[in-house]
């Protein structure tokens, strides 16, 4: 697959996944809605969500692990952001001279943060145990999007660091899967909150990877 073909494929996949996320979000607000949430809050996909939450009502250990993973993701994002700032200062504020991967990653983080803020105001679901906005799962989105950016950026490591980069990439994958699992087991989200977070994250990840494939050289 050549560079342009890979870019187009990832771009189309990212758009398709975003449309799927939008459709799923609409259904989460309109399909099988029932007052089964906290203090009688209405929840879409109520039968599936109640069944899943009944099977995994909550686990404090899983919740604490997901919190720690969340802090690790924030640290990883901060490190990548700091690298971009250093790159910016090294080139005396000339953005055109910066590594394109740093510019793309910062823009990517802005979009991830933008969706996080958006769904704090546009409430689709509230949590099973509180009135806090719950859809899509912000921890799921944070872990998948940030750790994927780390996974991609590790591909730019010098050849002599490739073994270490491979190990770190495996750790990223394990951490991404762990966050999804532990966040669900923690019981602070409905199943559809996790699914919505995965769909949105995969869409953003594909679009990010498309831009990296199109504009960056390894």
Protein backbone atom coordinates (compact mmCIF):
# COMPACT_ATOMS: atom_id res chain seq x y z
CA UNK A 1 0.00 0.00 0.00
CA UNK A 2 1.54 3.34 -1.03
CA UNK A 3 1.50 6.50 1.05
CA UNK A 4 -1.47 8.17 -0.63
CA UNK A 5 -3.51 4.95 -0.70
CA UNK A 6 -2.89 4.42 3.01
CA UNK A 7 -3.90 7.99 3.75
CA UNK A 8 -7.17 7.67 1.81
CA UNK A 9 -8.03 4.33 3.42
CA UNK A 10 -7.47 5.63 6.93
CA UNK A 11 -9.31 8.86 6.18
CA UNK A 12 -12.37 7.04 4.84
CA UNK A 13 -12.33 4.60 7.77
CA UNK A 14 -12.10 7.47 10.24
CA UNK A 15 -15.08 9.24 8.66
CA UNK A 16 -17.13 6.01 8.54
CA UNK A 17 -16.40 5.35 12.22
CA UNK A 18 -17.37 8.90 13.12
CA UNK A 19 -20.69 8.50 11.28
CA UNK A 20 -21.19 5.22 13.15
CA UNK A 21 -20.47 7.03 16.43
CA UNK A 22 -22.99 9.75 15.56
CA UNK A 23 -25.64 7.13 14.71
CA UNK A 24 -24.91 5.19 17.90
CA UNK A 25 -25.14 8.39 19.93
CA UNK A 26 -28.55 9.14 18.41
CA UNK A 27 -29.74 5.64 19.30
CA UNK A 28 -28.32 5.96 22.81
CA UNK A 29 -30.65 8.92 23.28
CA UNK A 30 -33.73 7.52 21.55
CA UNK A 31 -33.78 3.69 21.52
CA UNK A 32 -35.27 1.66 24.40
CA UNK A 33 -35.22 4.67 26.71
CA UNK A 34 -36.34 4.02 30.28
CA UNK A 35 -35.94 5.74 33.68
CA UNK A 36 -33.41 3.23 35.02
CA UNK A 37 -30.56 5.60 35.85
CA UNK A 38 -29.55 7.46 38.98
CA UNK A 39 -32.61 9.11 40.60
CA UNK A 40 -34.77 7.88 37.71
CA UNK A 41 -32.65 9.37 34.93
CA UNK A 42 -33.62 8.14 31.47
CA UNK A 43 -31.13 5.85 29.75
CA UNK A 44 -31.11 4.58 26.17
CA UNK A 45 -30.49 0.91 25.36
CA UNK A 46 -31.90 0.42 28.85
CA UNK A 47 -32.37 -3.37 28.69
CA UNK A 48 -28.79 -4.02 27.57
CA UNK A 49 -27.33 -1.47 29.94
CA UNK A 50 -29.25 -2.66 33.00
CA UNK A 51 -28.36 -6.29 32.27
CA UNK A 52 -24.66 -5.50 31.83
CA UNK A 53 -24.58 -3.30 34.92
CA UNK A 54 -26.36 -6.00 36.92
CA UNK A 55 -23.66 -8.51 35.95
CA UNK A 56 -20.85 -6.06 36.80
CA UNK A 57 -22.32 -3.59 39.32
CA UNK A 58 -18.99 -2.15 40.36
CA UNK A 59 -15.56 -2.96 41.70
CA UNK A 60 -13.50 -0.49 43.73
CA UNK A 61 -10.21 -2.09 42.72
CA UNK A 62 -11.03 -1.77 39.02
CA UNK A 63 -12.03 1.86 39.55
CA UNK A 64 -8.74 2.69 41.27
CA UNK A 65 -6.72 0.97 38.53
CA UNK A 66 -8.58 2.93 35.86
CA UNK A 67 -7.83 6.16 37.74
CA UNK A 68 -4.11 5.35 37.86
CA UNK A 69 -4.13 4.50 34.14
CA UNK A 70 -5.86 7.82 33.52
CA UNK A 71 -3.09 9.71 35.33
CA UNK A 72 -0.48 7.83 33.30
CA UNK A 73 -2.25 8.85 30.08
CA UNK A 74 -2.32 12.49 31.18
CA UNK A 75 1.41 12.30 31.89
CA UNK A 76 2.05 10.78 28.46
CA UNK A 77 0.06 13.57 26.81
CA UNK A 78 1.99 16.15 28.83
CA UNK A 79 5.33 14.65 27.74
CA UNK A 80 4.28 14.76 24.09
CA UNK A 81 3.05 18.30 24.53
CA UNK A 82 6.33 19.30 26.17
CA UNK A 83 8.25 17.81 23.26
CA UNK A 84 6.19 19.95 20.89
CA UNK A 85 6.89 23.08 22.98
CA UNK A 86 10.63 22.35 22.98
CA UNK A 87 10.49 21.78 19.23
CA UNK A 88 8.67 25.12 18.86
CA UNK A 89 11.25 26.97 20.95
CA UNK A 90 14.18 25.25 19.25
CA UNK A 91 12.97 26.64 15.93
CA UNK A 92 12.35 30.10 17.46
CA UNK A 93 8.61 30.01 17.04
CA UNK A 94 8.64 29.04 13.38
CA UNK A 95 5.89 26.44 13.23
CA UNK A 96 6.73 25.59 9.62
CA UNK A 97 10.13 24.32 10.78
CA UNK A 98 8.76 22.05 13.51
CA UNK A 99 8.44 18.28 13.13
CA UNK A 100 5.06 17.74 11.51
CA UNK A 101 4.33 14.83 13.84
CA UNK A 102 4.42 17.22 16.80
CA UNK A 103 2.05 19.68 15.13
CA UNK A 104 -0.37 16.91 14.13
CA UNK A 105 -0.26 15.38 17.62
CA UNK A 106 -1.07 18.73 19.27
CA UNK A 107 -4.01 19.30 16.91
CA UNK A 108 -5.17 15.74 17.63
CA UNK A 109 -5.09 16.41 21.38
CA UNK A 110 -7.12 19.59 20.85
CA UNK A 111 -9.83 17.57 19.12
CA UNK A 112 -9.78 14.90 21.84
CA UNK A 113 -10.06 17.61 24.51
CA UNK A 114 -12.78 19.35 22.52
CA UNK A 115 -14.96 16.25 22.45
CA UNK A 116 -14.35 15.75 26.16
CA UNK A 117 -15.62 19.27 26.91
CA UNK A 118 -18.50 18.98 24.42
CA UNK A 119 -19.99 15.93 26.12
CA UNK A 120 -19.71 17.56 29.52
CA UNK A 121 -22.37 20.00 28.26
CA UNK A 122 -24.26 17.76 25.82
CA UNK A 123 -25.37 15.07 28.26
CA UNK A 124 -26.42 11.81 26.61
CA UNK A 125 -26.30 9.60 29.72
CA UNK A 126 -25.59 10.10 33.38
CA UNK A 127 -23.63 7.58 35.39
CA UNK A 128 -25.40 4.63 37.02
CA UNK A 129 -24.28 5.85 40.46
CA UNK A 130 -24.42 9.65 40.11
CA UNK A 131 -25.78 12.54 38.05
CA UNK A 132 -22.41 13.11 36.38
CA UNK A 133 -22.23 13.05 32.56
CA UNK A 134 -21.22 9.58 31.46
CA UNK A 135 -21.30 9.30 27.64
CA UNK A 136 -18.92 8.66 26.03
CA UNK A 137 -16.53 7.32 28.66
CA UNK A 138 -13.86 10.03 28.92
CA UNK A 139 -11.32 7.68 30.52
CA UNK A 140 -11.77 5.23 27.65
CA UNK A 141 -11.35 8.00 25.09
CA UNK A 142 -8.32 9.44 26.90
CA UNK A 143 -6.52 6.10 27.16
CA UNK A 144 -7.18 4.95 23.61
CA UNK A 145 -6.41 8.27 21.93
CA UNK A 146 -3.35 9.27 23.96
CA UNK A 147 -1.76 5.83 24.16
CA UNK A 148 -2.30 5.36 20.45
CA UNK A 149 -0.44 8.59 19.79
CA UNK A 150 2.43 7.26 21.91
CA UNK A 151 2.29 4.01 19.93
CA UNK A 152 2.54 5.94 16.65
CA UNK A 153 5.26 8.32 17.80
CA UNK A 154 7.40 5.42 18.99
CA UNK A 155 7.60 4.43 15.33
CA UNK A 156 9.87 7.43 14.81
CA UNK A 157 12.49 6.09 17.22
CA UNK A 158 16.06 5.72 15.95
CA UNK A 159 16.93 2.22 14.76
CA UNK A 160 19.12 1.56 17.81
CA UNK A 161 16.09 2.05 20.08
CA UNK A 162 13.72 -0.14 18.09
CA UNK A 163 13.73 -3.02 20.59
CA UNK A 164 12.81 -0.69 23.46
CA UNK A 165 10.21 1.00 21.27
CA UNK A 166 8.65 -2.39 20.48
CA UNK A 167 8.39 -3.21 24.19
CA UNK A 168 6.80 0.15 24.93
CA UNK A 169 4.34 -0.33 22.08
CA UNK A 170 3.22 -3.65 23.57
CA UNK A 171 2.77 -1.91 26.93
CA UNK A 172 0.63 0.73 25.22
CA UNK A 173 -1.65 -1.90 23.72
CA UNK A 174 -1.99 -3.72 27.06
CA UNK A 175 -2.77 -0.43 28.82
CA UNK A 176 -5.39 0.51 26.22
CA UNK A 177 -7.20 -2.80 26.59
CA UNK A 178 -6.85 -2.66 30.38
CA UNK A 179 -8.48 0.76 30.58
CA UNK A 180 -11.51 -0.39 28.59
CA UNK A 181 -11.89 -3.52 30.72
CA UNK A 182 -11.30 -1.93 34.13
CA UNK A 183 -13.44 1.10 33.36
CA UNK A 184 -16.36 -1.18 32.54
CA UNK A 185 -15.76 -3.41 35.57
CA UNK A 186 -15.62 -0.35 37.82
CA UNK A 187 -19.37 0.08 37.36
CA UNK A 188 -19.24 3.87 36.89
CA UNK A 189 -20.36 3.67 33.26
CA UNK A 190 -23.08 2.02 31.27
CA UNK A 191 -21.95 -0.46 28.62
CA UNK A 192 -23.01 1.95 25.86
CA UNK A 193 -20.82 4.68 27.39
CA UNK A 194 -17.80 2.43 26.88
CA UNK A 195 -18.91 1.47 23.36
CA UNK A 196 -19.44 5.11 22.42
CA UNK A 197 -15.99 5.98 23.76
CA UNK A 198 -14.41 3.21 21.70
CA UNK A 199 -16.18 4.27 18.47
CA UNK A 200 -15.24 7.94 18.85
CA UNK A 201 -11.66 7.06 19.82
CA UNK A 202 -11.17 4.72 16.87
CA UNK A 203 -12.47 7.42 14.53
CA UNK A 204 -10.03 10.02 15.89
CA UNK A 205 -7.21 7.48 15.91
CA UNK A 206 -7.74 6.67 12.23
CA UNK A 207 -7.82 10.35 11.28
CA UNK A 208 -4.66 10.99 13.33
CA UNK A 209 -2.86 8.07 11.73
CA UNK A 210 -4.02 9.22 8.29
CA UNK A 211 -2.41 12.63 8.82
CA UNK A 212 0.78 11.07 10.15
CA UNK A 213 0.91 8.77 7.10
CA UNK A 214 0.32 11.65 4.71
CA UNK A 215 2.59 14.35 6.10
CA UNK A 216 5.34 12.66 8.12
CA UNK A 217 8.41 10.75 7.07
CA UNK A 218 9.90 8.05 9.25
